């Protein structure tokens, strides 16, 4: 089975990542850091649950005005 994009990122440059925010949360104000660094972020003005890239995960979306 082919690795997902996020799995490939984590396998390739894990030691060099400062943070990796997939932006695939379904709700809330915290954006989880998928890297080992644990640098979670705060979401402001993001709409969660948009269609993703076809890997089964959702995506974030912005209105392009105030975000």
C-alpha atoms as a PDB file:
ATOM      1  CA  UNK A   1       0.000   0.000   0.000  1.00  0.00           C
ATOM      2  CA  UNK A   2       1.294   3.445  -0.892  1.00  0.00           C
ATOM      3  CA  UNK A   3       2.059   5.799   2.011  1.00  0.00           C
ATOM      4  CA  UNK A   4      -0.103   8.886   2.402  1.00  0.00           C
ATOM      5  CA  UNK A   5       1.413  12.311   1.853  1.00  0.00           C
ATOM      6  CA  UNK A   6       1.622  12.974   5.596  1.00  0.00           C
ATOM      7  CA  UNK A   7       3.323   9.622   6.207  1.00  0.00           C
ATOM      8  CA  UNK A   8       5.900  10.421   3.512  1.00  0.00           C
ATOM      9  CA  UNK A   9       6.644  13.831   5.043  1.00  0.00           C
ATOM     10  CA  UNK A  10       7.132  12.330   8.482  1.00  0.00           C
ATOM     11  CA  UNK A  11       9.352   9.523   7.130  1.00  0.00           C
ATOM     12  CA  UNK A  12      11.522  11.791   4.995  1.00  0.00           C
ATOM     13  CA  UNK A  13      12.440  14.742   7.184  1.00  0.00           C
ATOM     14  CA  UNK A  14      11.366  13.838  10.728  1.00  0.00           C
ATOM     15  CA  UNK A  15      14.625  14.997  12.343  1.00  0.00           C
ATOM     16  CA  UNK A  16      14.464  18.383  10.602  1.00  0.00           C
ATOM     17  CA  UNK A  17      10.826  19.274  11.235  1.00  0.00           C
ATOM     18  CA  UNK A  18      10.054  22.240  13.461  1.00  0.00           C
ATOM     19  CA  UNK A  19       6.370  21.506  13.100  1.00  0.00           C
ATOM     20  CA  UNK A  20       3.976  19.767  10.743  1.00  0.00           C
ATOM     21  CA  UNK A  21       0.405  21.004  10.866  1.00  0.00           C
ATOM     22  CA  UNK A  22      -1.826  18.821   8.695  1.00  0.00           C
ATOM     23  CA  UNK A  23      -4.834  21.136   9.206  1.00  0.00           C
ATOM     24  CA  UNK A  24      -7.198  18.175   9.116  1.00  0.00           C
ATOM     25  CA  UNK A  25      -9.035  18.850  12.376  1.00  0.00           C
ATOM     26  CA  UNK A  26     -12.802  18.592  12.190  1.00  0.00           C
ATOM     27  CA  UNK A  27     -13.494  21.295  14.795  1.00  0.00           C
ATOM     28  CA  UNK A  28     -11.970  23.302  17.613  1.00  0.00           C
ATOM     29  CA  UNK A  29      -9.369  26.011  18.069  1.00  0.00           C
ATOM     30  CA  UNK A  30      -6.213  23.886  18.410  1.00  0.00           C
ATOM     31  CA  UNK A  31      -4.184  22.816  15.376  1.00  0.00           C
ATOM     32  CA  UNK A  32      -2.233  19.680  16.261  1.00  0.00           C
ATOM     33  CA  UNK A  33       1.460  19.403  15.401  1.00  0.00           C
ATOM     34  CA  UNK A  34       2.110  15.974  13.853  1.00  0.00           C
ATOM     35  CA  UNK A  35       5.878  16.319  14.298  1.00  0.00           C
ATOM     36  CA  UNK A  36       7.634  15.043  17.423  1.00  0.00           C
ATOM     37  CA  UNK A  37       8.135  18.662  18.526  1.00  0.00           C
ATOM     38  CA  UNK A  38       4.565  19.105  19.826  1.00  0.00           C
ATOM     39  CA  UNK A  39       4.245  22.722  18.626  1.00  0.00           C
ATOM     40  CA  UNK A  40       0.451  22.877  18.572  1.00  0.00           C
ATOM     41  CA  UNK A  41      -1.041  26.117  17.258  1.00  0.00           C
ATOM     42  CA  UNK A  42      -4.184  28.160  17.774  1.00  0.00           C
ATOM     43  CA  UNK A  43      -6.640  28.407  14.881  1.00  0.00           C
ATOM     44  CA  UNK A  44      -8.258  31.757  14.214  1.00  0.00           C
ATOM     45  CA  UNK A  45     -10.907  32.248  11.531  1.00  0.00           C
ATOM     46  CA  UNK A  46     -10.508  28.782  10.027  1.00  0.00           C
ATOM     47  CA  UNK A  47     -13.471  26.745   8.837  1.00  0.00           C
ATOM     48  CA  UNK A  48     -12.892  23.042   9.437  1.00  0.00           C
ATOM     49  CA  UNK A  49     -14.216  20.076   7.517  1.00  0.00           C
ATOM     50  CA  UNK A  50     -13.644  21.114   3.886  1.00  0.00           C
ATOM     51  CA  UNK A  51     -13.029  18.430   1.283  1.00  0.00           C
ATOM     52  CA  UNK A  52      -9.460  17.159   1.434  1.00  0.00           C
ATOM     53  CA  UNK A  53      -7.118  15.700  -1.165  1.00  0.00           C
ATOM     54  CA  UNK A  54      -8.826  12.317  -1.348  1.00  0.00           C
ATOM     55  CA  UNK A  55      -6.963  10.570   1.479  1.00  0.00           C
ATOM     56  CA  UNK A  56     -10.036  10.433   3.736  1.00  0.00           C
ATOM     57  CA  UNK A  57      -8.999  13.426   5.852  1.00  0.00           C
ATOM     58  CA  UNK A  58     -10.758  16.772   5.870  1.00  0.00           C
ATOM     59  CA  UNK A  59      -9.058  20.113   5.266  1.00  0.00           C
ATOM     60  CA  UNK A  60      -9.136  23.667   6.550  1.00  0.00           C
ATOM     61  CA  UNK A  61     -10.527  26.538   4.541  1.00  0.00           C
ATOM     62  CA  UNK A  62     -10.198  30.321   4.752  1.00  0.00           C
ATOM     63  CA  UNK A  63     -12.467  33.048   3.423  1.00  0.00           C
ATOM     64  CA  UNK A  64      -9.550  35.065   2.033  1.00  0.00           C
ATOM     65  CA  UNK A  65     -10.757  38.256   3.652  1.00  0.00           C
ATOM     66  CA  UNK A  66     -10.094  38.197   7.380  1.00  0.00           C
ATOM     67  CA  UNK A  67      -8.062  35.014   7.893  1.00  0.00           C
END
